[in-house]
């Protein structure tokens, strides 16, 4: 269904329409805003993964410690 969606001619048409709608002065600002949003999303996802890994390590350490206390 979407096989030929992003052909060069299609991208030129999309860029031309964006230029007409937003104008040449707003287009760089729009790109900058989208880029900052993507960067923020990626950093939030990386922070979430880091927190998940820390939580897993903490849970594993707690399980080992409680297991050792039960034996000892």
N, C-alpha and C. Protein backbone atom coordinates (compact mmCIF):
# COMPACT_ATOMS: atom_id res chain seq x y z
N UNK A 1 0.81 -1.19 0.00
CA UNK A 1 0.00 0.00 0.00
C UNK A 1 0.87 1.27 0.00
N UNK A 2 1.95 1.28 0.79
CA UNK A 2 2.80 2.46 0.90
C UNK A 2 4.14 2.26 0.21
N UNK A 3 4.22 1.38 -0.78
CA UNK A 3 5.49 1.02 -1.41
C UNK A 3 6.17 2.20 -2.08
N UNK A 4 5.46 2.98 -2.88
CA UNK A 4 6.07 4.07 -3.61
C UNK A 4 5.77 5.43 -3.02
N UNK A 5 5.52 5.48 -1.72
CA UNK A 5 5.07 6.72 -1.10
C UNK A 5 6.15 7.80 -1.08
N UNK A 6 7.39 7.44 -0.79
CA UNK A 6 8.44 8.43 -0.63
C UNK A 6 9.39 8.46 -1.81
N UNK A 7 8.88 8.58 -2.97
CA UNK A 7 9.71 8.75 -4.16
C UNK A 7 10.17 10.21 -4.21
N UNK A 8 11.28 10.49 -4.89
CA UNK A 8 11.80 11.86 -4.92
C UNK A 8 10.79 12.92 -5.38
N UNK A 9 9.99 12.59 -6.36
CA UNK A 9 9.01 13.56 -6.85
C UNK A 9 7.96 13.85 -5.78
N UNK A 10 7.54 12.83 -5.04
CA UNK A 10 6.57 13.03 -3.98
C UNK A 10 7.13 13.92 -2.89
N UNK A 11 8.40 13.70 -2.54
CA UNK A 11 9.03 14.50 -1.50
C UNK A 11 9.15 15.96 -1.94
N UNK A 12 9.43 16.20 -3.21
CA UNK A 12 9.49 17.57 -3.72
C UNK A 12 8.13 18.26 -3.64
N UNK A 13 7.09 17.52 -3.96
CA UNK A 13 5.74 18.08 -3.89
C UNK A 13 5.38 18.40 -2.44
N UNK A 14 5.71 17.49 -1.51
CA UNK A 14 5.43 17.73 -0.09
C UNK A 14 6.19 18.95 0.40
N UNK A 15 7.47 19.06 0.02
CA UNK A 15 8.28 20.20 0.43
C UNK A 15 7.70 21.49 -0.16
N UNK A 16 7.28 21.46 -1.42
CA UNK A 16 6.68 22.64 -2.05
C UNK A 16 5.41 23.07 -1.35
N UNK A 17 4.56 22.12 -0.99
CA UNK A 17 3.33 22.46 -0.27
C UNK A 17 3.64 23.04 1.11
N UNK A 18 4.62 22.46 1.79
CA UNK A 18 5.01 22.99 3.10
C UNK A 18 5.54 24.41 2.97
N UNK A 19 6.28 24.66 1.91
CA UNK A 19 6.82 26.00 1.68
C UNK A 19 5.68 27.00 1.43
N UNK A 20 4.68 26.57 0.69
CA UNK A 20 3.53 27.45 0.43
C UNK A 20 2.70 27.70 1.69
N UNK A 21 2.51 26.66 2.49
CA UNK A 21 1.67 26.79 3.67
C UNK A 21 2.36 27.59 4.77
N UNK A 22 3.62 27.27 5.07
CA UNK A 22 4.30 27.89 6.20
C UNK A 22 5.15 29.09 5.82
N UNK A 23 5.54 29.20 4.58
CA UNK A 23 6.38 30.32 4.15
C UNK A 23 7.85 30.07 4.40
N UNK A 24 8.71 30.79 3.70
CA UNK A 24 10.15 30.54 3.81
C UNK A 24 10.74 30.93 5.16
N UNK A 25 10.11 31.82 5.89
CA UNK A 25 10.66 32.23 7.19
C UNK A 25 10.27 31.27 8.30
N UNK A 26 9.09 30.69 8.22
CA UNK A 26 8.61 29.78 9.26
C UNK A 26 9.17 28.36 9.11
N UNK A 27 9.54 27.96 7.91
CA UNK A 27 9.96 26.59 7.66
C UNK A 27 11.20 26.19 8.47
N UNK A 28 12.26 27.00 8.55
CA UNK A 28 13.40 26.61 9.39
C UNK A 28 13.03 26.52 10.88
N UNK A 29 12.17 27.41 11.35
CA UNK A 29 11.74 27.36 12.74
C UNK A 29 10.94 26.08 13.00
N UNK A 30 10.12 25.70 12.05
CA UNK A 30 9.33 24.48 12.18
C UNK A 30 10.25 23.26 12.23
N UNK A 31 11.24 23.23 11.36
CA UNK A 31 12.21 22.12 11.36
C UNK A 31 12.98 22.05 12.66
N UNK A 32 13.38 23.20 13.18
CA UNK A 32 14.12 23.25 14.44
C UNK A 32 13.26 22.72 15.59
N UNK A 33 12.00 23.12 15.60
CA UNK A 33 11.09 22.66 16.64
C UNK A 33 10.86 21.16 16.59
N UNK A 34 10.70 20.64 15.39
CA UNK A 34 10.51 19.20 15.24
C UNK A 34 11.77 18.45 15.68
N UNK A 35 12.94 18.96 15.29
CA UNK A 35 14.20 18.33 15.69
C UNK A 35 14.39 18.32 17.19
N UNK A 36 14.07 19.43 17.85
CA UNK A 36 14.18 19.49 19.31
C UNK A 36 13.20 18.52 19.97
N UNK A 37 12.03 18.40 19.40
CA UNK A 37 11.05 17.46 19.94
C UNK A 37 11.51 16.02 19.83
N UNK A 38 12.10 15.68 18.69
CA UNK A 38 12.61 14.32 18.49
C UNK A 38 13.76 14.05 19.45
N UNK A 39 14.68 15.02 19.59
CA UNK A 39 15.80 14.85 20.52
C UNK A 39 15.31 14.67 21.96
N UNK A 40 14.31 15.45 22.35
CA UNK A 40 13.75 15.32 23.69
C UNK A 40 13.11 13.96 23.91
N UNK A 41 12.41 13.48 22.91
CA UNK A 41 11.78 12.16 23.01
C UNK A 41 12.82 11.07 23.14
N UNK A 42 13.88 11.15 22.33
CA UNK A 42 14.94 10.14 22.40
C UNK A 42 15.63 10.15 23.76
N UNK A 43 15.91 11.33 24.29
CA UNK A 43 16.58 11.40 25.59
C UNK A 43 15.67 10.88 26.70
N UNK A 44 14.38 11.14 26.60
CA UNK A 44 13.45 10.62 27.60
C UNK A 44 13.37 9.10 27.53
N UNK A 45 13.38 8.55 26.33
CA UNK A 45 13.36 7.09 26.18
C UNK A 45 14.64 6.48 26.72
N UNK A 46 15.79 7.12 26.47
CA UNK A 46 17.07 6.60 26.98
C UNK A 46 17.08 6.66 28.51
N UNK A 47 16.54 7.74 29.08
CA UNK A 47 16.49 7.87 30.53
C UNK A 47 15.57 6.80 31.13
N UNK A 48 14.47 6.52 30.44
CA UNK A 48 13.55 5.49 30.92
C UNK A 48 14.23 4.13 30.90
N UNK A 49 14.96 3.82 29.83
CA UNK A 49 15.67 2.55 29.75
C UNK A 49 16.72 2.44 30.85
N UNK A 50 17.42 3.54 31.10
CA UNK A 50 18.44 3.55 32.15
C UNK A 50 17.79 3.31 33.51
N UNK A 51 16.65 3.94 33.78
CA UNK A 51 15.95 3.75 35.04
C UNK A 51 15.45 2.31 35.18
N UNK A 52 14.97 1.74 34.08
CA UNK A 52 14.50 0.35 34.11
C UNK A 52 15.66 -0.59 34.42
N UNK A 53 16.82 -0.36 33.80
CA UNK A 53 17.98 -1.21 34.07
C UNK A 53 18.42 -1.08 35.52
N UNK A 54 18.42 0.14 36.06
CA UNK A 54 18.79 0.34 37.46
C UNK A 54 17.81 -0.36 38.39
N UNK A 55 16.53 -0.31 38.06
CA UNK A 55 15.52 -0.97 38.89
C UNK A 55 15.69 -2.48 38.85
N UNK A 56 16.01 -3.03 37.67
CA UNK A 56 16.23 -4.47 37.56
C UNK A 56 17.45 -4.89 38.36
N UNK A 57 18.53 -4.11 38.30
CA UNK A 57 19.73 -4.43 39.07
C UNK A 57 19.45 -4.37 40.56
N UNK A 58 18.69 -3.36 40.98
CA UNK A 58 18.35 -3.22 42.39
C UNK A 58 17.50 -4.39 42.87
N UNK A 59 16.55 -4.82 42.05
CA UNK A 59 15.70 -5.96 42.41
C UNK A 59 16.53 -7.23 42.49
N UNK A 60 17.46 -7.42 41.57
CA UNK A 60 18.31 -8.61 41.59
C UNK A 60 19.19 -8.61 42.82
N UNK A 61 19.75 -7.47 43.17
CA UNK A 61 20.59 -7.36 44.36
C UNK A 61 19.78 -7.64 45.62
N UNK A 62 18.57 -7.12 45.68
CA UNK A 62 17.71 -7.36 46.83
C UNK A 62 17.35 -8.83 46.95
N UNK A 63 17.11 -9.49 45.83
CA UNK A 63 16.77 -10.91 45.86
C UNK A 63 17.96 -11.73 46.33
N UNK A 64 19.15 -11.40 45.88
CA UNK A 64 20.34 -12.12 46.29
C UNK A 64 20.59 -11.92 47.79
N UNK A 65 20.44 -10.68 48.24
CA UNK A 65 20.67 -10.36 49.65
C UNK A 65 19.66 -11.08 50.55
N UNK A 66 18.40 -11.08 50.17
CA UNK A 66 17.39 -11.75 50.98
C UNK A 66 17.59 -13.26 50.95
N UNK A 67 18.06 -13.79 49.85
CA UNK A 67 18.32 -15.22 49.73
C UNK A 67 19.49 -15.61 50.63
N UNK A 68 20.52 -14.77 50.69
CA UNK A 68 21.68 -15.04 51.52
C UNK A 68 21.31 -14.94 53.01
N UNK A 69 20.44 -14.00 53.34
CA UNK A 69 20.02 -13.85 54.73
C UNK A 69 19.17 -15.04 55.17
N UNK A 70 18.37 -15.59 54.27
CA UNK A 70 17.54 -16.73 54.60
C UNK A 70 18.40 -17.98 54.85
N UNK A 71 19.51 -18.10 54.13
CA UNK A 71 20.40 -19.25 54.30
C UNK A 71 21.25 -19.12 55.55
N UNK A 72 21.69 -17.90 55.83
CA UNK A 72 22.69 -17.65 56.87
C UNK A 72 22.10 -17.45 58.18
